Amino acid sequence: LGGGRKSGDDLSLIDAAQDHDADSLEGRI
């Protein structure tokens, strides 16, 4: 909503948006 990184089209804004990579802290946890 604030213009951050996302993946997918507009319909995936809620279901498929990602805020971290697999190698990020969250991804590793």
Full PDB file with SEQRES, HELIX, SHEET, SSBOND, CRYST1, ORIGX, SCALE, CONECT and MASTER records, all heavy atoms in Angstrom:
SEQRES   1 A   29  LEU GLY GLY GLY ARG LYS SER GLY ASP ASP LEU SER LEU          
SEQRES   2 A   29  ILE ASP ALA ALA GLN ASP HIS ASP ALA ASP SER LEU GLU          
SEQRES   3 A   29  GLY ARG ILE                                                  
HELIX    1 AA1 ASP A   10  SER A   12  5                                   3    
HELIX    2 AA2 LEU A   25  ARG A   28  1                                   4    
CRYST1    1.000    1.000    1.000  90.00  90.00  90.00 P 1           1          
ORIGX1      1.000000  0.000000  0.000000        0.00000                         
ORIGX2      0.000000  1.000000  0.000000        0.00000                         
ORIGX3      0.000000  0.000000  1.000000        0.00000                         
SCALE1      1.000000  0.000000  0.000000        0.00000                         
SCALE2      0.000000  1.000000  0.000000        0.00000                         
SCALE3      0.000000  0.000000  1.000000        0.00000                         
ATOM      1  N   LEU A   1       0.827  -1.197   0.000  1.00  0.00           N  
ATOM      2  CA  LEU A   1       0.000   0.000   0.000  1.00  0.00           C  
ATOM      3  C   LEU A   1       0.867   1.255   0.000  1.00  0.00           C  
ATOM      4  O   LEU A   1       0.464   2.305  -0.506  1.00  0.00           O  
ATOM      5  CB  LEU A   1      -0.933   0.002   1.220  1.00  0.00           C  
ATOM      6  CG  LEU A   1      -2.071  -1.018   1.165  1.00  0.00           C  
ATOM      7  CD1 LEU A   1      -2.815  -1.035   2.507  1.00  0.00           C  
ATOM      8  CD2 LEU A   1      -3.035  -0.690   0.030  1.00  0.00           C  
ATOM      9  N   GLY A   2       2.073   1.105   0.584  1.00  0.00           N  
ATOM     10  CA  GLY A   2       2.970   2.244   0.636  1.00  0.00           C  
ATOM     11  C   GLY A   2       3.942   2.286  -0.514  1.00  0.00           C  
ATOM     12  O   GLY A   2       4.881   3.079  -0.511  1.00  0.00           O  
ATOM     13  N   GLY A   3       3.758   1.407  -1.492  1.00  0.00           N  
ATOM     14  CA  GLY A   3       4.632   1.414  -2.651  1.00  0.00           C  
ATOM     15  C   GLY A   3       5.815   0.500  -2.529  1.00  0.00           C  
ATOM     16  O   GLY A   3       6.759   0.599  -3.307  1.00  0.00           O  
ATOM     17  N   GLY A   4       5.793  -0.383  -1.529  1.00  0.00           N  
ATOM     18  CA  GLY A   4       6.894  -1.314  -1.343  1.00  0.00           C  
ATOM     19  C   GLY A   4       6.941  -2.364  -2.422  1.00  0.00           C  
ATOM     20  O   GLY A   4       6.082  -2.430  -3.309  1.00  0.00           O  
ATOM     21  N   ARG A   5       7.957  -3.254  -2.351  1.00  0.00           N  
ATOM     22  CA  ARG A   5       8.125  -4.291  -3.370  1.00  0.00           C  
ATOM     23  C   ARG A   5       7.001  -5.295  -3.285  1.00  0.00           C  
ATOM     24  O   ARG A   5       6.544  -5.659  -2.213  1.00  0.00           O  
ATOM     25  CB  ARG A   5       9.467  -5.021  -3.158  1.00  0.00           C  
ATOM     26  CG  ARG A   5       9.790  -5.980  -4.307  1.00  0.00           C  
ATOM     27  CD  ARG A   5      11.101  -6.689  -4.032  1.00  0.00           C  
ATOM     28  NE  ARG A   5      10.983  -7.572  -2.890  1.00  0.00           N  
ATOM     29  CZ  ARG A   5      10.443  -8.802  -2.956  1.00  0.00           C  
ATOM     30  NH1 ARG A   5       9.961  -9.248  -4.087  1.00  0.00           N  
ATOM     31  NH2 ARG A   5      10.396  -9.565  -1.880  1.00  0.00           N  
ATOM     32  N   LYS A   6       6.544  -5.770  -4.435  1.00  0.00           N  
ATOM     33  CA  LYS A   6       5.508  -6.790  -4.471  1.00  0.00           C  
ATOM     34  C   LYS A   6       5.717  -7.679  -5.670  1.00  0.00           C  
ATOM     35  O   LYS A   6       6.429  -7.338  -6.604  1.00  0.00           O  
ATOM     36  CB  LYS A   6       4.122  -6.156  -4.510  1.00  0.00           C  
ATOM     37  CG  LYS A   6       3.844  -5.374  -5.786  1.00  0.00           C  
ATOM     38  CD  LYS A   6       2.465  -4.739  -5.748  1.00  0.00           C  
ATOM     39  CE  LYS A   6       2.234  -3.920  -7.032  1.00  0.00           C  
ATOM     40  NZ  LYS A   6       0.922  -3.266  -7.010  1.00  0.00           N  
ATOM     41  N   SER A   7       5.066  -8.839  -5.660  1.00  0.00           N  
ATOM     42  CA  SER A   7       5.095  -9.732  -6.817  1.00  0.00           C  
ATOM     43  C   SER A   7       3.673 -10.013  -7.217  1.00  0.00           C  
ATOM     44  O   SER A   7       2.763 -10.004  -6.395  1.00  0.00           O  
ATOM     45  CB  SER A   7       5.829 -11.039  -6.482  1.00  0.00           C  
ATOM     46  OG  SER A   7       5.115 -11.755  -5.512  1.00  0.00           O  
ATOM     47  N   GLY A   8       3.450 -10.248  -8.509  1.00  0.00           N  
ATOM     48  CA  GLY A   8       2.103 -10.557  -8.972  1.00  0.00           C  
ATOM     49  C   GLY A   8       1.383  -9.314  -9.462  1.00  0.00           C  
ATOM     50  O   GLY A   8       1.884  -8.197  -9.401  1.00  0.00           O  
ATOM     51  N   ASP A   9       0.164  -9.512  -9.963  1.00  0.00           N  
ATOM     52  CA  ASP A   9      -0.615  -8.396 -10.473  1.00  0.00           C  
ATOM     53  C   ASP A   9      -1.492  -7.817  -9.383  1.00  0.00           C  
ATOM     54  O   ASP A   9      -1.360  -8.157  -8.208  1.00  0.00           O  
ATOM     55  CB  ASP A   9      -1.473  -8.849 -11.664  1.00  0.00           C  
ATOM     56  CG  ASP A   9      -2.372 -10.020 -11.306  1.00  0.00           C  
ATOM     57  OD1 ASP A   9      -2.689 -10.184 -10.104  1.00  0.00           O  
ATOM     58  OD2 ASP A   9      -2.750 -10.777 -12.224  1.00  0.00           O  
ATOM     59  N   ASP A  10      -2.411  -6.942  -9.730  1.00  0.00           N  
ATOM     60  CA  ASP A  10      -3.235  -6.261  -8.739  1.00  0.00           C  
ATOM     61  C   ASP A  10      -4.085  -7.235  -7.945  1.00  0.00           C  
ATOM     62  O   ASP A  10      -4.352  -7.022  -6.761  1.00  0.00           O  
ATOM     63  CB  ASP A  10      -4.139  -5.225  -9.419  1.00  0.00           C  
ATOM     64  CG  ASP A  10      -3.348  -4.055  -9.963  1.00  0.00           C  
ATOM     65  OD1 ASP A  10      -2.186  -3.887  -9.529  1.00  0.00           O  
ATOM     66  OD2 ASP A  10      -3.888  -3.342 -10.819  1.00  0.00           O  
ATOM     67  N   LEU A  11      -4.552  -8.331  -8.590  1.00  0.00           N  
ATOM     68  CA  LEU A  11      -5.406  -9.285  -7.894  1.00  0.00           C  
ATOM     69  C   LEU A  11      -4.632 -10.063  -6.838  1.00  0.00           C  
ATOM     70  O   LEU A  11      -5.217 -10.648  -5.937  1.00  0.00           O  
ATOM     71  CB  LEU A  11      -6.035 -10.262  -8.902  1.00  0.00           C  
ATOM     72  CG  LEU A  11      -7.019  -9.632  -9.900  1.00  0.00           C  
ATOM     73  CD1 LEU A  11      -7.514 -10.676 -10.897  1.00  0.00           C  
ATOM     74  CD2 LEU A  11      -8.205  -9.021  -9.149  1.00  0.00           C  
ATOM     75  N   SER A  12      -3.321 -10.067  -6.962  1.00  0.00           N  
ATOM     76  CA  SER A  12      -2.507 -10.799  -5.991  1.00  0.00           C  
ATOM     77  C   SER A  12      -1.968  -9.893  -4.904  1.00  0.00           C  
ATOM     78  O   SER A  12      -1.125 -10.309  -4.122  1.00  0.00           O  
ATOM     79  CB  SER A  12      -1.339 -11.497  -6.699  1.00  0.00           C  
ATOM     80  OG  SER A  12      -0.425 -10.538  -7.197  1.00  0.00           O  
ATOM     81  N   LEU A  13      -2.462  -8.666  -4.862  1.00  0.00           N  
ATOM     82  CA  LEU A  13      -1.942  -7.709  -3.883  1.00  0.00           C  
ATOM     83  C   LEU A  13      -2.033  -8.246  -2.461  1.00  0.00           C  
ATOM     84  O   LEU A  13      -1.115  -8.119  -1.669  1.00  0.00           O  
ATOM     85  CB  LEU A  13      -2.719  -6.394  -3.987  1.00  0.00           C  
ATOM     86  CG  LEU A  13      -2.305  -5.291  -2.999  1.00  0.00           C  
ATOM     87  CD1 LEU A  13      -0.872  -4.858  -3.283  1.00  0.00           C  
ATOM     88  CD2 LEU A  13      -3.253  -4.095  -3.105  1.00  0.00           C  
ATOM     89  N   ILE A  14      -3.183  -8.903  -2.129  1.00  0.00           N  
ATOM     90  CA  ILE A  14      -3.381  -9.407  -0.781  1.00  0.00           C  
ATOM     91  C   ILE A  14      -2.833 -10.816  -0.628  1.00  0.00           C  
ATOM     92  O   ILE A  14      -2.143 -11.136   0.331  1.00  0.00           O  
ATOM     93  CB  ILE A  14      -4.877  -9.395  -0.410  1.00  0.00           C  
ATOM     94  CG1 ILE A  14      -5.413  -7.959  -0.513  1.00  0.00           C  
ATOM     95  CG2 ILE A  14      -5.094  -9.953   0.983  1.00  0.00           C  
ATOM     96  CD1 ILE A  14      -4.751  -6.997   0.425  1.00  0.00           C  
ATOM     97  N   ASP A  15      -3.120 -11.696  -1.604  1.00  0.00           N  
ATOM     98  CA  ASP A  15      -2.823 -13.119  -1.447  1.00  0.00           C  
ATOM     99  C   ASP A  15      -1.383 -13.484  -1.760  1.00  0.00           C  
ATOM    100  O   ASP A  15      -0.849 -14.410  -1.177  1.00  0.00           O  
ATOM    101  CB  ASP A  15      -3.741 -13.951  -2.343  1.00  0.00           C  
ATOM    102  CG  ASP A  15      -5.188 -13.864  -1.880  1.00  0.00           C  
ATOM    103  OD1 ASP A  15      -5.388 -13.693  -0.660  1.00  0.00           O  
ATOM    104  OD2 ASP A  15      -6.092 -13.950  -2.719  1.00  0.00           O  
ATOM    105  N   ALA A  16      -0.754 -12.793  -2.697  1.00  0.00           N  
ATOM    106  CA  ALA A  16       0.544 -13.254  -3.160  1.00  0.00           C  
ATOM    107  C   ALA A  16       1.667 -12.253  -2.964  1.00  0.00           C  
ATOM    108  O   ALA A  16       2.792 -12.529  -3.322  1.00  0.00           O  
ATOM    109  CB  ALA A  16       0.470 -13.638  -4.650  1.00  0.00           C  
ATOM    110  N   ALA A  17       1.367 -11.075  -2.426  1.00  0.00           N  
ATOM    111  CA  ALA A  17       2.427 -10.097  -2.225  1.00  0.00           C  
ATOM    112  C   ALA A  17       3.465 -10.636  -1.246  1.00  0.00           C  
ATOM    113  O   ALA A  17       3.134 -11.324  -0.293  1.00  0.00           O  
ATOM    114  CB  ALA A  17       1.839  -8.799  -1.700  1.00  0.00           C  
ATOM    115  N   GLN A  18       4.731 -10.320  -1.499  1.00  0.00           N  
ATOM    116  CA  GLN A  18       5.811 -10.782  -0.634  1.00  0.00           C  
ATOM    117  C   GLN A  18       6.618  -9.592  -0.167  1.00  0.00           C  
ATOM    118  O   GLN A  18       6.833  -8.644  -0.914  1.00  0.00           O  
ATOM    119  CB  GLN A  18       6.732 -11.754  -1.381  1.00  0.00           C  
ATOM    120  CG  GLN A  18       6.019 -13.004  -1.876  1.00  0.00           C  
ATOM    121  CD  GLN A  18       6.937 -13.868  -2.716  1.00  0.00           C  
ATOM    122  OE1 GLN A  18       8.103 -13.532  -2.911  1.00  0.00           O  
ATOM    123  NE2 GLN A  18       6.414 -14.967  -3.209  1.00  0.00           N  
ATOM    124  N   ASP A  19       7.068  -9.631   1.049  1.00  0.00           N  
ATOM    125  CA  ASP A  19       7.894  -8.541   1.547  1.00  0.00           C  
ATOM    126  C   ASP A  19       9.280  -9.020   1.950  1.00  0.00           C  
ATOM    127  O   ASP A  19      10.031  -8.303   2.586  1.00  0.00           O  
ATOM    128  CB  ASP A  19       7.213  -7.850   2.741  1.00  0.00           C  
ATOM    129  CG  ASP A  19       7.138  -8.762   3.952  1.00  0.00           C  
ATOM    130  OD1 ASP A  19       7.134  -9.981   3.758  1.00  0.00           O  
ATOM    131  OD2 ASP A  19       7.096  -8.231   5.083  1.00  0.00           O  
ATOM    132  N   HIS A  20       9.596 -10.277   1.610  1.00  0.00           N  
ATOM    133  CA  HIS A  20      10.942 -10.755   1.929  1.00  0.00           C  
ATOM    134  C   HIS A  20      11.358 -11.815   0.928  1.00  0.00           C  
ATOM    135  O   HIS A  20      10.535 -12.481   0.305  1.00  0.00           O  
ATOM    136  CB  HIS A  20      11.013 -11.324   3.349  1.00  0.00           C  
ATOM    137  CG  HIS A  20      10.079 -12.475   3.588  1.00  0.00           C  
ATOM    138  ND1 HIS A  20      10.317 -13.743   3.128  1.00  0.00           N  
ATOM    139  CD2 HIS A  20       8.895 -12.514   4.258  1.00  0.00           C  
ATOM    140  CE1 HIS A  20       9.316 -14.545   3.491  1.00  0.00           C  
ATOM    141  NE2 HIS A  20       8.451 -13.821   4.174  1.00  0.00           N  
ATOM    142  N   ASP A  21      12.665 -11.943   0.740  1.00  0.00           N  
ATOM    143  CA  ASP A  21      13.226 -12.976  -0.116  1.00  0.00           C  
ATOM    144  C   ASP A  21      13.479 -14.235   0.689  1.00  0.00           C  
ATOM    145  O   ASP A  21      13.487 -14.215   1.917  1.00  0.00           O  
ATOM    146  CB  ASP A  21      14.553 -12.490  -0.723  1.00  0.00           C  
ATOM    147  CG  ASP A  21      14.358 -11.288  -1.628  1.00  0.00           C  
ATOM    148  OD1 ASP A  21      13.441 -11.334  -2.459  1.00  0.00           O  
ATOM    149  OD2 ASP A  21      15.133 -10.311  -1.475  1.00  0.00           O  
ATOM    150  N   ALA A  22      13.719 -15.345  -0.018  1.00  0.00           N  
ATOM    151  CA  ALA A  22      13.978 -16.618   0.664  1.00  0.00           C  
ATOM    152  C   ALA A  22      15.220 -16.529   1.539  1.00  0.00           C  
ATOM    153  O   ALA A  22      15.335 -17.235   2.542  1.00  0.00           O  
ATOM    154  CB  ALA A  22      14.125 -17.733  -0.366  1.00  0.00           C  
ATOM    155  N   ASP A  23      16.191 -15.628   1.154  1.00  0.00           N  
ATOM    156  CA  ASP A  23      17.431 -15.510   1.912  1.00  0.00           C  
ATOM    157  C   ASP A  23      17.348 -14.468   3.024  1.00  0.00           C  
ATOM    158  O   ASP A  23      18.323 -14.244   3.737  1.00  0.00           O  
ATOM    159  CB  ASP A  23      18.591 -15.153   0.973  1.00  0.00           C  
ATOM    160  CG  ASP A  23      18.934 -16.303   0.032  1.00  0.00           C  
ATOM    161  OD1 ASP A  23      18.677 -17.461   0.421  1.00  0.00           O  
ATOM    162  OD2 ASP A  23      19.449 -16.042  -1.069  1.00  0.00           O  
ATOM    163  N   SER A  24      16.193 -13.842   3.178  1.00  0.00           N  
ATOM    164  CA  SER A  24      16.040 -12.859   4.232  1.00  0.00           C  
ATOM    165  C   SER A  24      15.903 -13.547   5.578  1.00  0.00           C  
ATOM    166  O   SER A  24      15.749 -14.776   5.664  1.00  0.00           O  
ATOM    167  CB  SER A  24      14.809 -11.989   3.967  1.00  0.00           C  
ATOM    168  OG  SER A  24      13.633 -12.776   4.112  1.00  0.00           O  
ATOM    169  N   LEU A  25      15.932 -12.747   6.657  1.00  0.00           N  
ATOM    170  CA  LEU A  25      15.772 -13.307   7.993  1.00  0.00           C  
ATOM    171  C   LEU A  25      14.457 -14.056   8.119  1.00  0.00           C  
ATOM    172  O   LEU A  25      14.405 -15.191   8.610  1.00  0.00           O  
ATOM    173  CB  LEU A  25      15.839 -12.175   9.023  1.00  0.00           C  
ATOM    174  CG  LEU A  25      15.526 -12.563  10.479  1.00  0.00           C  
ATOM    175  CD1 LEU A  25      16.535 -13.594  10.974  1.00  0.00           C  
ATOM    176  CD2 LEU A  25      15.536 -11.322  11.373  1.00  0.00           C  
ATOM    177  N   GLU A  26      13.371 -13.428   7.646  1.00  0.00           N  
ATOM    178  CA  GLU A  26      12.060 -14.071   7.739  1.00  0.00           C  
ATOM    179  C   GLU A  26      12.018 -15.362   6.937  1.00  0.00           C  
ATOM    180  O   GLU A  26      11.456 -16.370   7.361  1.00  0.00           O  
ATOM    181  CB  GLU A  26      10.965 -13.119   7.266  1.00  0.00           C  
ATOM    182  CG  GLU A  26      10.738 -11.921   8.162  1.00  0.00           C  
ATOM    183  CD  GLU A  26      11.688 -10.778   7.837  1.00  0.00           C  
ATOM    184  OE1 GLU A  26      12.600 -10.981   7.001  1.00  0.00           O  
ATOM    185  OE2 GLU A  26      11.539  -9.689   8.423  1.00  0.00           O  
ATOM    186  N   GLY A  27      12.632 -15.316   5.760  1.00  0.00           N  
ATOM    187  CA  GLY A  27      12.635 -16.512   4.914  1.00  0.00           C  
ATOM    188  C   GLY A  27      13.395 -17.654   5.536  1.00  0.00           C  
ATOM    189  O   GLY A  27      12.980 -18.813   5.475  1.00  0.00           O  
ATOM    190  N   ARG A  28      14.517 -17.345   6.178  1.00  0.00           N  
ATOM    191  CA  ARG A  28      15.319 -18.399   6.812  1.00  0.00           C  
ATOM    192  C   ARG A  28      14.607 -18.980   8.040  1.00  0.00           C  
ATOM    193  O   ARG A  28      14.677 -20.179   8.291  1.00  0.00           O  
ATOM    194  CB  ARG A  28      16.690 -17.834   7.199  1.00  0.00           C  
ATOM    195  CG  ARG A  28      17.648 -17.711   6.011  1.00  0.00           C  
ATOM    196  CD  ARG A  28      18.990 -17.186   6.436  1.00  0.00           C  
ATOM    197  NE  ARG A  28      18.917 -15.765   6.764  1.00  0.00           N  
ATOM    198  CZ  ARG A  28      19.788 -15.132   7.548  1.00  0.00           C  
ATOM    199  NH1 ARG A  28      20.781 -15.800   8.118  1.00  0.00           N  
ATOM    200  NH2 ARG A  28      19.672 -13.840   7.780  1.00  0.00           N  
ATOM    201  N   ILE A  29      13.911 -18.117   8.810  1.00  0.00           N  
ATOM    202  CA  ILE A  29      13.148 -18.618   9.954  1.00  0.00           C  
ATOM    203  C   ILE A  29      12.049 -19.553   9.488  1.00  0.00           C  
ATOM    204  O   ILE A  29      11.853 -20.646  10.036  1.00  0.00           O  
ATOM    205  CB  ILE A  29      12.560 -17.446  10.762  1.00  0.00           C  
ATOM    206  CG1 ILE A  29      13.682 -16.672  11.463  1.00  0.00           C  
ATOM    207  CG2 ILE A  29      11.552 -17.951  11.789  1.00  0.00           C  
ATOM    208  CD1 ILE A  29      13.212 -15.423  12.165  1.00  0.00           C  
TER     209      ILE A  29                                                      
MASTER        0    0    0    2    0    0    0    6  208    1    0    3          
END                                                                             
